[in-house]
Amino acid sequence: MDKTEILRGDITTLDIDAIVNAANTTLLGGGGVDGAIHRAAGPELLAECRTLGGCEPGQAKITRGYDLSARFVIHTVGPIWRGGTHDEARTLANCYRNSLKLAAENEIRTIAFPAISCGAYGYPIEEAAGIAFKTTREFLAMSDEIQKVIFVVWGEDVYNAYRKNL
C-alpha cells in the first residue's frame, strides 16, 4: 500500500498538512506526544483548544497548527487499556477513522499519526498497530482524498511492531 509509510522520529517536525495529537479528554496538553505538540505549536494552540469543550475517546477535533510546520492538528483521544474487555479496539479504530474523516472534510491530503494509546494509556503495541493499519487501509480504500498517511513512532519496539503490519 503505497499511500502509507512509517517513520521513526519527532511528529512535531513534519512539514505536512496535518499531524494527529494523541490527546487527553481535556485537549489542554499533557505528557508524551500531546505535550510535545503543545510545546512546539505554542500558546495559541492551547488557547484554541480551550474553546473546543474537550473530546470524548474515539472522537476527533481539529485546530490550526500555529508554530508547527503542519497546517493543522487533529486531536483524538485514545482508549485507556483495561484488558481489552471495555470496547478498547472499537474506540481505537474510531480514533483513526474519525481523524481521517475530519482530514478529508478539511481537504487535508497528507496526515501523520503517532502510536495512539501506546504510551501512558498502555495499549498493547502489536494490537494497536494492527488496528491502526486495518482502519487506515479500509478508509483509504473508500476515499481518495487522502494522498499520504505517515505513522510516526519513537521507540524501536513500536517501530518494529508497525513494520510488521506494513
N, C-alpha and C. Protein backbone atom coordinates (compact mmCIF):
# COMPACT_ATOMS: atom_id res chain seq x y z
N MET A 1 0.85 -1.18 0.00
CA MET A 1 0.00 0.00 0.00
C MET A 1 0.89 1.24 0.00
N ASP A 2 0.99 1.90 -1.12
CA ASP A 2 1.97 2.98 -1.26
C ASP A 2 1.50 4.32 -0.70
N LYS A 3 0.31 4.38 -0.15
CA LYS A 3 -0.16 5.62 0.46
C LYS A 3 0.24 5.72 1.92
N THR A 4 0.88 4.68 2.48
CA THR A 4 1.27 4.71 3.88
C THR A 4 2.77 4.48 4.02
N GLU A 5 3.31 5.05 5.08
CA GLU A 5 4.71 4.79 5.41
C GLU A 5 4.90 4.93 6.92
N ILE A 6 6.03 4.43 7.38
CA ILE A 6 6.38 4.51 8.80
C ILE A 6 7.70 5.26 8.92
N LEU A 7 7.73 6.19 9.86
CA LEU A 7 8.96 6.92 10.15
C LEU A 7 9.24 6.82 11.64
N ARG A 8 10.51 6.76 11.98
CA ARG A 8 10.92 6.90 13.37
C ARG A 8 11.37 8.33 13.54
N GLY A 9 10.79 9.03 14.51
CA GLY A 9 11.21 10.40 14.72
C GLY A 9 10.19 11.22 15.47
N ASP A 10 10.29 12.52 15.28
CA ASP A 10 9.50 13.51 16.01
C ASP A 10 8.38 14.03 15.12
N ILE A 11 7.15 13.70 15.44
CA ILE A 11 5.99 14.09 14.64
C ILE A 11 5.86 15.61 14.53
N THR A 12 6.36 16.33 15.51
CA THR A 12 6.19 17.79 15.52
C THR A 12 7.02 18.50 14.45
N THR A 13 7.96 17.79 13.84
CA THR A 13 8.85 18.43 12.86
C THR A 13 8.38 18.24 11.41
N LEU A 14 7.33 17.45 11.20
CA LEU A 14 6.92 17.14 9.83
C LEU A 14 6.25 18.33 9.15
N ASP A 15 6.64 18.55 7.89
CA ASP A 15 6.07 19.61 7.08
C ASP A 15 5.00 18.98 6.18
N ILE A 16 3.81 18.77 6.75
CA ILE A 16 2.70 18.14 6.03
C ILE A 16 1.42 18.91 6.38
N ASP A 17 0.31 18.46 5.82
CA ASP A 17 -0.95 19.18 6.07
C ASP A 17 -1.40 19.09 7.53
N ALA A 18 -1.35 17.89 8.12
CA ALA A 18 -1.85 17.72 9.49
C ALA A 18 -1.10 16.64 10.23
N ILE A 19 -0.94 16.87 11.53
CA ILE A 19 -0.46 15.83 12.42
C ILE A 19 -1.58 15.52 13.40
N VAL A 20 -1.60 14.29 13.87
CA VAL A 20 -2.61 13.88 14.83
C VAL A 20 -1.99 13.89 16.22
N ASN A 21 -2.74 14.44 17.15
CA ASN A 21 -2.33 14.50 18.53
C ASN A 21 -3.06 13.42 19.32
N ALA A 22 -2.30 12.57 19.99
CA ALA A 22 -2.88 11.59 20.91
C ALA A 22 -3.16 12.34 22.21
N ALA A 23 -4.33 12.96 22.26
CA ALA A 23 -4.69 13.90 23.32
C ALA A 23 -5.37 13.21 24.49
N ASN A 24 -5.58 13.98 25.55
CA ASN A 24 -6.45 13.54 26.64
C ASN A 24 -7.80 14.24 26.46
N THR A 25 -8.78 13.88 27.26
CA THR A 25 -10.14 14.37 27.04
C THR A 25 -10.29 15.88 27.21
N THR A 26 -9.38 16.53 27.92
CA THR A 26 -9.49 17.98 28.10
C THR A 26 -8.97 18.75 26.88
N LEU A 27 -8.10 18.13 26.09
CA LEU A 27 -7.39 18.75 24.96
C LEU A 27 -6.46 19.87 25.40
N LEU A 28 -6.14 19.93 26.68
CA LEU A 28 -5.34 21.05 27.20
C LEU A 28 -3.87 20.71 27.41
N GLY A 29 -3.40 19.68 26.76
CA GLY A 29 -1.99 19.30 26.87
C GLY A 29 -1.78 18.24 27.92
N GLY A 30 -0.62 17.64 27.88
CA GLY A 30 -0.30 16.57 28.82
C GLY A 30 1.13 16.13 28.60
N GLY A 31 1.37 14.84 28.77
CA GLY A 31 2.70 14.30 28.58
C GLY A 31 2.86 13.70 27.19
N GLY A 32 3.98 13.08 26.94
CA GLY A 32 4.23 12.37 25.69
C GLY A 32 4.03 13.23 24.45
N VAL A 33 3.42 12.63 23.43
CA VAL A 33 3.18 13.31 22.15
C VAL A 33 2.34 14.56 22.36
N ASP A 34 1.33 14.46 23.21
CA ASP A 34 0.42 15.58 23.48
C ASP A 34 1.22 16.80 23.97
N GLY A 35 2.05 16.61 24.96
CA GLY A 35 2.85 17.71 25.50
C GLY A 35 3.82 18.26 24.46
N ALA A 36 4.44 17.36 23.70
CA ALA A 36 5.40 17.80 22.68
C ALA A 36 4.72 18.66 21.61
N ILE A 37 3.52 18.25 21.19
CA ILE A 37 2.79 19.02 20.18
C ILE A 37 2.40 20.39 20.74
N HIS A 38 1.90 20.43 21.96
CA HIS A 38 1.53 21.72 22.56
C HIS A 38 2.74 22.63 22.71
N ARG A 39 3.87 22.09 23.14
CA ARG A 39 5.08 22.92 23.29
C ARG A 39 5.54 23.45 21.94
N ALA A 40 5.55 22.60 20.92
CA ALA A 40 6.04 23.01 19.60
C ALA A 40 5.10 23.99 18.90
N ALA A 41 3.80 23.85 19.13
CA ALA A 41 2.81 24.70 18.46
C ALA A 41 2.72 26.09 19.08
N GLY A 42 3.06 26.20 20.35
CA GLY A 42 2.99 27.49 21.04
C GLY A 42 1.68 27.69 21.77
N PRO A 43 1.57 28.79 22.51
CA PRO A 43 0.42 29.03 23.38
C PRO A 43 -0.91 29.22 22.64
N GLU A 44 -0.86 29.58 21.37
CA GLU A 44 -2.10 29.76 20.60
C GLU A 44 -2.87 28.45 20.48
N LEU A 45 -2.16 27.32 20.41
CA LEU A 45 -2.83 26.03 20.32
C LEU A 45 -3.66 25.78 21.58
N LEU A 46 -3.08 26.01 22.73
CA LEU A 46 -3.81 25.83 23.98
C LEU A 46 -5.02 26.75 24.04
N ALA A 47 -4.85 27.98 23.60
CA ALA A 47 -5.97 28.93 23.61
C ALA A 47 -7.12 28.43 22.72
N GLU A 48 -6.80 27.91 21.53
CA GLU A 48 -7.85 27.39 20.66
C GLU A 48 -8.48 26.13 21.25
N CYS A 49 -7.67 25.26 21.83
CA CYS A 49 -8.19 24.03 22.43
C CYS A 49 -9.16 24.34 23.57
N ARG A 50 -8.93 25.42 24.29
CA ARG A 50 -9.84 25.80 25.39
C ARG A 50 -11.25 26.09 24.88
N THR A 51 -11.38 26.43 23.61
CA THR A 51 -12.70 26.76 23.05
C THR A 51 -13.46 25.53 22.55
N LEU A 52 -12.83 24.37 22.55
CA LEU A 52 -13.41 23.18 21.92
C LEU A 52 -14.27 22.33 22.85
N GLY A 53 -14.20 22.55 24.14
CA GLY A 53 -15.03 21.78 25.06
C GLY A 53 -14.60 20.35 25.27
N GLY A 54 -13.32 20.07 25.07
CA GLY A 54 -12.82 18.71 25.29
C GLY A 54 -13.18 17.78 24.14
N CYS A 55 -12.91 16.49 24.34
CA CYS A 55 -13.13 15.49 23.30
C CYS A 55 -13.30 14.12 23.95
N GLU A 56 -14.29 13.39 23.50
CA GLU A 56 -14.54 12.05 24.04
C GLU A 56 -13.62 11.02 23.36
N PRO A 57 -13.29 9.92 24.05
CA PRO A 57 -12.48 8.87 23.44
C PRO A 57 -13.10 8.38 22.12
N GLY A 58 -12.25 8.25 21.11
CA GLY A 58 -12.68 7.80 19.79
C GLY A 58 -13.09 8.93 18.86
N GLN A 59 -13.33 10.11 19.40
CA GLN A 59 -13.73 11.25 18.58
C GLN A 59 -12.49 12.05 18.17
N ALA A 60 -12.69 13.05 17.31
CA ALA A 60 -11.57 13.88 16.83
C ALA A 60 -12.04 15.31 16.63
N LYS A 61 -11.14 16.25 16.89
CA LYS A 61 -11.39 17.68 16.68
C LYS A 61 -10.15 18.28 16.01
N ILE A 62 -10.35 19.37 15.28
CA ILE A 62 -9.26 19.96 14.51
C ILE A 62 -8.98 21.39 14.97
N THR A 63 -7.69 21.75 14.96
CA THR A 63 -7.25 23.11 15.23
C THR A 63 -6.20 23.49 14.20
N ARG A 64 -5.84 24.74 14.20
CA ARG A 64 -4.69 25.19 13.40
C ARG A 64 -3.41 24.63 14.01
N GLY A 65 -2.33 24.67 13.23
CA GLY A 65 -1.05 24.16 13.70
C GLY A 65 -0.15 25.19 14.36
N TYR A 66 -0.44 26.46 14.17
CA TYR A 66 0.31 27.57 14.76
C TYR A 66 1.80 27.48 14.44
N ASP A 67 2.67 27.30 15.43
CA ASP A 67 4.12 27.33 15.18
C ASP A 67 4.67 26.02 14.61
N LEU A 68 3.83 25.03 14.40
CA LEU A 68 4.26 23.78 13.78
C LEU A 68 4.41 23.98 12.27
N SER A 69 5.16 23.11 11.62
CA SER A 69 5.22 23.10 10.15
C SER A 69 3.90 22.60 9.58
N ALA A 70 3.22 21.72 10.30
CA ALA A 70 1.92 21.21 9.87
C ALA A 70 0.88 22.33 9.98
N ARG A 71 0.00 22.42 8.99
CA ARG A 71 -1.03 23.47 9.00
C ARG A 71 -2.10 23.22 10.04
N PHE A 72 -2.39 21.94 10.33
CA PHE A 72 -3.46 21.59 11.25
C PHE A 72 -2.98 20.55 12.26
N VAL A 73 -3.69 20.51 13.39
CA VAL A 73 -3.54 19.43 14.36
C VAL A 73 -4.93 18.82 14.53
N ILE A 74 -5.00 17.51 14.35
CA ILE A 74 -6.24 16.78 14.62
C ILE A 74 -6.03 16.08 15.95
N HIS A 75 -6.87 16.40 16.91
CA HIS A 75 -6.76 15.86 18.27
C HIS A 75 -7.73 14.70 18.39
N THR A 76 -7.23 13.57 18.86
CA THR A 76 -8.10 12.42 19.11
C THR A 76 -7.71 11.80 20.44
N VAL A 77 -8.70 11.24 21.11
CA VAL A 77 -8.47 10.66 22.43
C VAL A 77 -8.59 9.15 22.33
N GLY A 78 -7.49 8.47 22.56
CA GLY A 78 -7.49 7.02 22.51
C GLY A 78 -8.02 6.41 23.79
N PRO A 79 -8.30 5.12 23.74
CA PRO A 79 -8.78 4.42 24.93
C PRO A 79 -7.65 4.10 25.89
N ILE A 80 -7.97 4.08 27.16
CA ILE A 80 -7.04 3.56 28.17
C ILE A 80 -7.23 2.04 28.18
N TRP A 81 -6.12 1.31 28.06
CA TRP A 81 -6.18 -0.15 28.03
C TRP A 81 -6.63 -0.67 29.39
N ARG A 82 -7.70 -1.45 29.37
CA ARG A 82 -8.23 -2.07 30.59
C ARG A 82 -8.46 -3.56 30.35
N GLY A 83 -7.51 -4.18 29.66
CA GLY A 83 -7.58 -5.62 29.43
C GLY A 83 -8.28 -6.05 28.16
N GLY A 84 -8.80 -5.09 27.41
CA GLY A 84 -9.44 -5.41 26.14
C GLY A 84 -10.92 -5.75 26.25
N THR A 85 -11.48 -5.62 27.42
CA THR A 85 -12.88 -6.00 27.63
C THR A 85 -13.82 -4.80 27.74
N HIS A 86 -13.31 -3.61 27.44
CA HIS A 86 -14.11 -2.38 27.58
C HIS A 86 -14.20 -1.64 26.25
N ASP A 87 -14.33 -2.39 25.16
CA ASP A 87 -14.52 -1.80 23.83
C ASP A 87 -13.33 -0.97 23.35
N GLU A 88 -12.15 -1.29 23.89
CA GLU A 88 -10.97 -0.51 23.52
C GLU A 88 -10.65 -0.58 22.03
N ALA A 89 -10.80 -1.75 21.42
CA ALA A 89 -10.46 -1.90 19.99
C ALA A 89 -11.37 -1.02 19.12
N ARG A 90 -12.64 -1.00 19.40
CA ARG A 90 -13.56 -0.17 18.63
C ARG A 90 -13.25 1.32 18.83
N THR A 91 -12.95 1.70 20.06
CA THR A 91 -12.63 3.10 20.35
C THR A 91 -11.35 3.52 19.63
N LEU A 92 -10.35 2.65 19.65
CA LEU A 92 -9.09 2.97 18.97
C LEU A 92 -9.31 3.08 17.46
N ALA A 93 -10.05 2.15 16.88
CA ALA A 93 -10.34 2.23 15.45
C ALA A 93 -11.07 3.54 15.13
N ASN A 94 -11.99 3.95 16.00
CA ASN A 94 -12.70 5.21 15.78
C ASN A 94 -11.77 6.41 15.81
N CYS A 95 -10.69 6.35 16.61
CA CYS A 95 -9.71 7.44 16.61
C CYS A 95 -9.15 7.64 15.20
N TYR A 96 -8.74 6.55 14.57
CA TYR A 96 -8.17 6.64 13.23
C TYR A 96 -9.24 7.02 12.21
N ARG A 97 -10.38 6.36 12.25
CA ARG A 97 -11.47 6.61 11.30
C ARG A 97 -11.95 8.06 11.37
N ASN A 98 -12.21 8.56 12.58
CA ASN A 98 -12.73 9.91 12.73
C ASN A 98 -11.68 10.97 12.40
N SER A 99 -10.42 10.68 12.68
CA SER A 99 -9.35 11.61 12.30
C SER A 99 -9.22 11.70 10.79
N LEU A 100 -9.27 10.56 10.11
CA LEU A 100 -9.18 10.54 8.64
C LEU A 100 -10.40 11.21 8.01
N LYS A 101 -11.56 10.98 8.58
CA LYS A 101 -12.79 11.61 8.08
C LYS A 101 -12.69 13.13 8.22
N LEU A 102 -12.24 13.60 9.36
CA LEU A 102 -12.07 15.03 9.59
C LEU A 102 -11.03 15.62 8.64
N ALA A 103 -9.98 14.87 8.38
CA ALA A 103 -8.95 15.32 7.43
C ALA A 103 -9.55 15.47 6.04
N ALA A 104 -10.28 14.48 5.59
CA ALA A 104 -10.89 14.54 4.25
C ALA A 104 -11.85 15.71 4.15
N GLU A 105 -12.64 15.93 5.20
CA GLU A 105 -13.61 17.04 5.20
C GLU A 105 -12.92 18.41 5.12
N ASN A 106 -11.67 18.48 5.58
CA ASN A 106 -10.92 19.74 5.59
C ASN A 106 -9.87 19.81 4.49
N GLU A 107 -10.02 18.96 3.47
CA GLU A 107 -9.13 18.94 2.31
C GLU A 107 -7.67 18.75 2.67
N ILE A 108 -7.44 17.96 3.70
CA ILE A 108 -6.09 17.58 4.12
C ILE A 108 -5.67 16.39 3.28
N ARG A 109 -4.52 16.48 2.65
CA ARG A 109 -4.04 15.41 1.76
C ARG A 109 -2.96 14.55 2.39
N THR A 110 -2.20 15.13 3.32
CA THR A 110 -1.12 14.39 3.99
C THR A 110 -1.32 14.50 5.49
N ILE A 111 -1.23 13.36 6.16
CA ILE A 111 -1.51 13.31 7.60
C ILE A 111 -0.56 12.33 8.28
N ALA A 112 -0.15 12.66 9.50
CA ALA A 112 0.73 11.79 10.26
C ALA A 112 0.08 11.44 11.60
N PHE A 113 0.17 10.16 11.96
CA PHE A 113 -0.36 9.66 13.22
C PHE A 113 0.77 9.20 14.13
N PRO A 114 0.65 9.45 15.44
CA PRO A 114 1.53 8.78 16.40
C PRO A 114 0.93 7.41 16.72
N ALA A 115 1.56 6.67 17.60
CA ALA A 115 1.02 5.38 18.04
C ALA A 115 0.00 5.65 19.15
N ILE A 116 -1.23 5.91 18.76
CA ILE A 116 -2.28 6.33 19.69
C ILE A 116 -2.51 5.26 20.76
N SER A 117 -2.54 5.69 22.00
CA SER A 117 -2.80 4.88 23.20
C SER A 117 -1.67 3.94 23.59
N CYS A 118 -0.55 3.95 22.87
CA CYS A 118 0.54 3.00 23.15
C CYS A 118 1.51 3.47 24.24
N GLY A 119 1.38 4.71 24.68
CA GLY A 119 2.26 5.21 25.73
C GLY A 119 1.63 5.01 27.09
N ALA A 120 1.31 6.11 27.75
CA ALA A 120 0.78 6.08 29.11
C ALA A 120 -0.56 5.34 29.20
N TYR A 121 -1.30 5.25 28.09
CA TYR A 121 -2.60 4.58 28.12
C TYR A 121 -2.48 3.06 28.03
N GLY A 122 -1.25 2.55 27.78
CA GLY A 122 -0.95 1.14 27.95
C GLY A 122 -1.49 0.15 26.93
N TYR A 123 -1.93 0.62 25.77
CA TYR A 123 -2.47 -0.32 24.77
C TYR A 123 -1.34 -1.21 24.25
N PRO A 124 -1.55 -2.52 24.15
CA PRO A 124 -0.51 -3.41 23.62
C PRO A 124 -0.13 -2.98 22.19
N ILE A 125 1.15 -2.78 21.96
CA ILE A 125 1.63 -2.17 20.72
C ILE A 125 1.26 -2.99 19.49
N GLU A 126 1.45 -4.29 19.53
CA GLU A 126 1.15 -5.12 18.35
C GLU A 126 -0.32 -5.01 17.96
N GLU A 127 -1.20 -5.08 18.96
CA GLU A 127 -2.64 -4.95 18.69
C GLU A 127 -2.99 -3.58 18.15
N ALA A 128 -2.43 -2.55 18.77
CA ALA A 128 -2.71 -1.18 18.35
C ALA A 128 -2.24 -0.94 16.92
N ALA A 129 -1.08 -1.46 16.57
CA ALA A 129 -0.55 -1.29 15.20
C ALA A 129 -1.48 -1.98 14.20
N GLY A 130 -1.96 -3.16 14.53
CA GLY A 130 -2.88 -3.86 13.64
C GLY A 130 -4.15 -3.07 13.40
N ILE A 131 -4.70 -2.49 14.46
CA ILE A 131 -5.92 -1.68 14.34
C ILE A 131 -5.64 -0.43 13.52
N ALA A 132 -4.50 0.20 13.75
CA ALA A 132 -4.15 1.42 13.01
C ALA A 132 -4.09 1.15 11.51
N PHE A 133 -3.41 0.09 11.12
CA PHE A 133 -3.27 -0.22 9.69
C PHE A 133 -4.57 -0.70 9.08
N LYS A 134 -5.31 -1.57 9.78
CA LYS A 134 -6.56 -2.07 9.23
C LYS A 134 -7.56 -0.93 9.01
N THR A 135 -7.72 -0.08 9.98
CA THR A 135 -8.66 1.03 9.87
C THR A 135 -8.24 2.01 8.78
N THR A 136 -6.95 2.29 8.71
CA THR A 136 -6.45 3.22 7.69
C THR A 136 -6.63 2.63 6.29
N ARG A 137 -6.30 1.36 6.13
CA ARG A 137 -6.49 0.71 4.81
C ARG A 137 -7.95 0.75 4.37
N GLU A 138 -8.85 0.44 5.29
CA GLU A 138 -10.28 0.47 4.98
C GLU A 138 -10.71 1.86 4.55
N PHE A 139 -10.26 2.89 5.25
CA PHE A 139 -10.64 4.26 4.91
C PHE A 139 -10.08 4.65 3.54
N LEU A 140 -8.81 4.36 3.31
CA LEU A 140 -8.17 4.74 2.04
C LEU A 140 -8.79 4.00 0.86
N ALA A 141 -9.30 2.81 1.08
CA ALA A 141 -9.94 2.04 0.01
C ALA A 141 -11.27 2.66 -0.41
N MET A 142 -11.88 3.42 0.47
CA MET A 142 -13.18 4.02 0.19
C MET A 142 -13.12 5.52 -0.09
N SER A 143 -11.94 6.11 0.00
CA SER A 143 -11.80 7.56 -0.13
C SER A 143 -10.49 7.87 -0.83
N ASP A 144 -10.53 8.79 -1.78
CA ASP A 144 -9.28 9.15 -2.46
C ASP A 144 -8.79 10.55 -2.08
N GLU A 145 -9.42 11.16 -1.07
CA GLU A 145 -9.00 12.50 -0.66
C GLU A 145 -7.61 12.51 -0.02
N ILE A 146 -7.31 11.50 0.78
CA ILE A 146 -6.02 11.44 1.48
C ILE A 146 -4.99 10.81 0.56
N GLN A 147 -3.88 11.50 0.36
CA GLN A 147 -2.82 11.01 -0.52
C GLN A 147 -1.72 10.27 0.22
N LYS A 148 -1.48 10.64 1.48
CA LYS A 148 -0.38 10.01 2.22
C LYS A 148 -0.69 9.98 3.71
N VAL A 149 -0.50 8.80 4.31
CA VAL A 149 -0.63 8.62 5.75
C VAL A 149 0.72 8.14 6.27
N ILE A 150 1.26 8.88 7.22
CA ILE A 150 2.56 8.53 7.80
C ILE A 150 2.35 8.17 9.26
N PHE A 151 2.84 7.01 9.65
CA PHE A 151 2.82 6.62 11.05
C PHE A 151 4.19 6.98 11.62
N VAL A 152 4.21 7.91 12.56
CA VAL A 152 5.46 8.39 13.13
C VAL A 152 5.59 7.84 14.54
N VAL A 153 6.60 7.03 14.74
CA VAL A 153 6.79 6.37 16.03
C VAL A 153 8.15 6.72 16.59
N TRP A 154 8.31 6.49 17.87
CA TRP A 154 9.53 6.91 18.55
C TRP A 154 10.45 5.72 18.85
N GLY A 155 9.99 4.79 19.64
CA GLY A 155 10.85 3.70 20.10
C GLY A 155 11.00 2.57 19.09
N GLU A 156 12.06 1.80 19.25
CA GLU A 156 12.34 0.70 18.35
C GLU A 156 11.28 -0.39 18.42
N ASP A 157 10.75 -0.67 19.64
CA ASP A 157 9.72 -1.69 19.79
C ASP A 157 8.45 -1.32 19.03
N VAL A 158 8.07 -0.05 19.09
CA VAL A 158 6.88 0.42 18.38
C VAL A 158 7.14 0.40 16.87
N TYR A 159 8.32 0.83 16.47
CA TYR A 159 8.69 0.83 15.05
C TYR A 159 8.61 -0.58 14.47
N ASN A 160 9.18 -1.55 15.19
CA ASN A 160 9.17 -2.94 14.72
C ASN A 160 7.75 -3.50 14.63
N ALA A 161 6.90 -3.17 15.58
CA ALA A 161 5.51 -3.64 15.55
C ALA A 161 4.77 -3.04 14.35
N TYR A 162 5.02 -1.78 14.06
CA TYR A 162 4.38 -1.14 12.92
C TYR A 162 4.92 -1.69 11.61
N ARG A 163 6.22 -1.97 11.54
CA ARG A 163 6.81 -2.54 10.30
C ARG A 163 6.17 -3.88 9.97
N LYS A 164 5.89 -4.69 10.99
CA LYS A 164 5.25 -5.98 10.76
C LYS A 164 3.89 -5.83 10.08
N ASN A 165 3.21 -4.75 10.36
CA ASN A 165 1.87 -4.52 9.81
C ASN A 165 1.89 -3.84 8.45
N LEU A 166 3.00 -3.25 8.08
CA LEU A 166 3.10 -2.58 6.79
C LEU A 166 3.21 -3.60 5.68
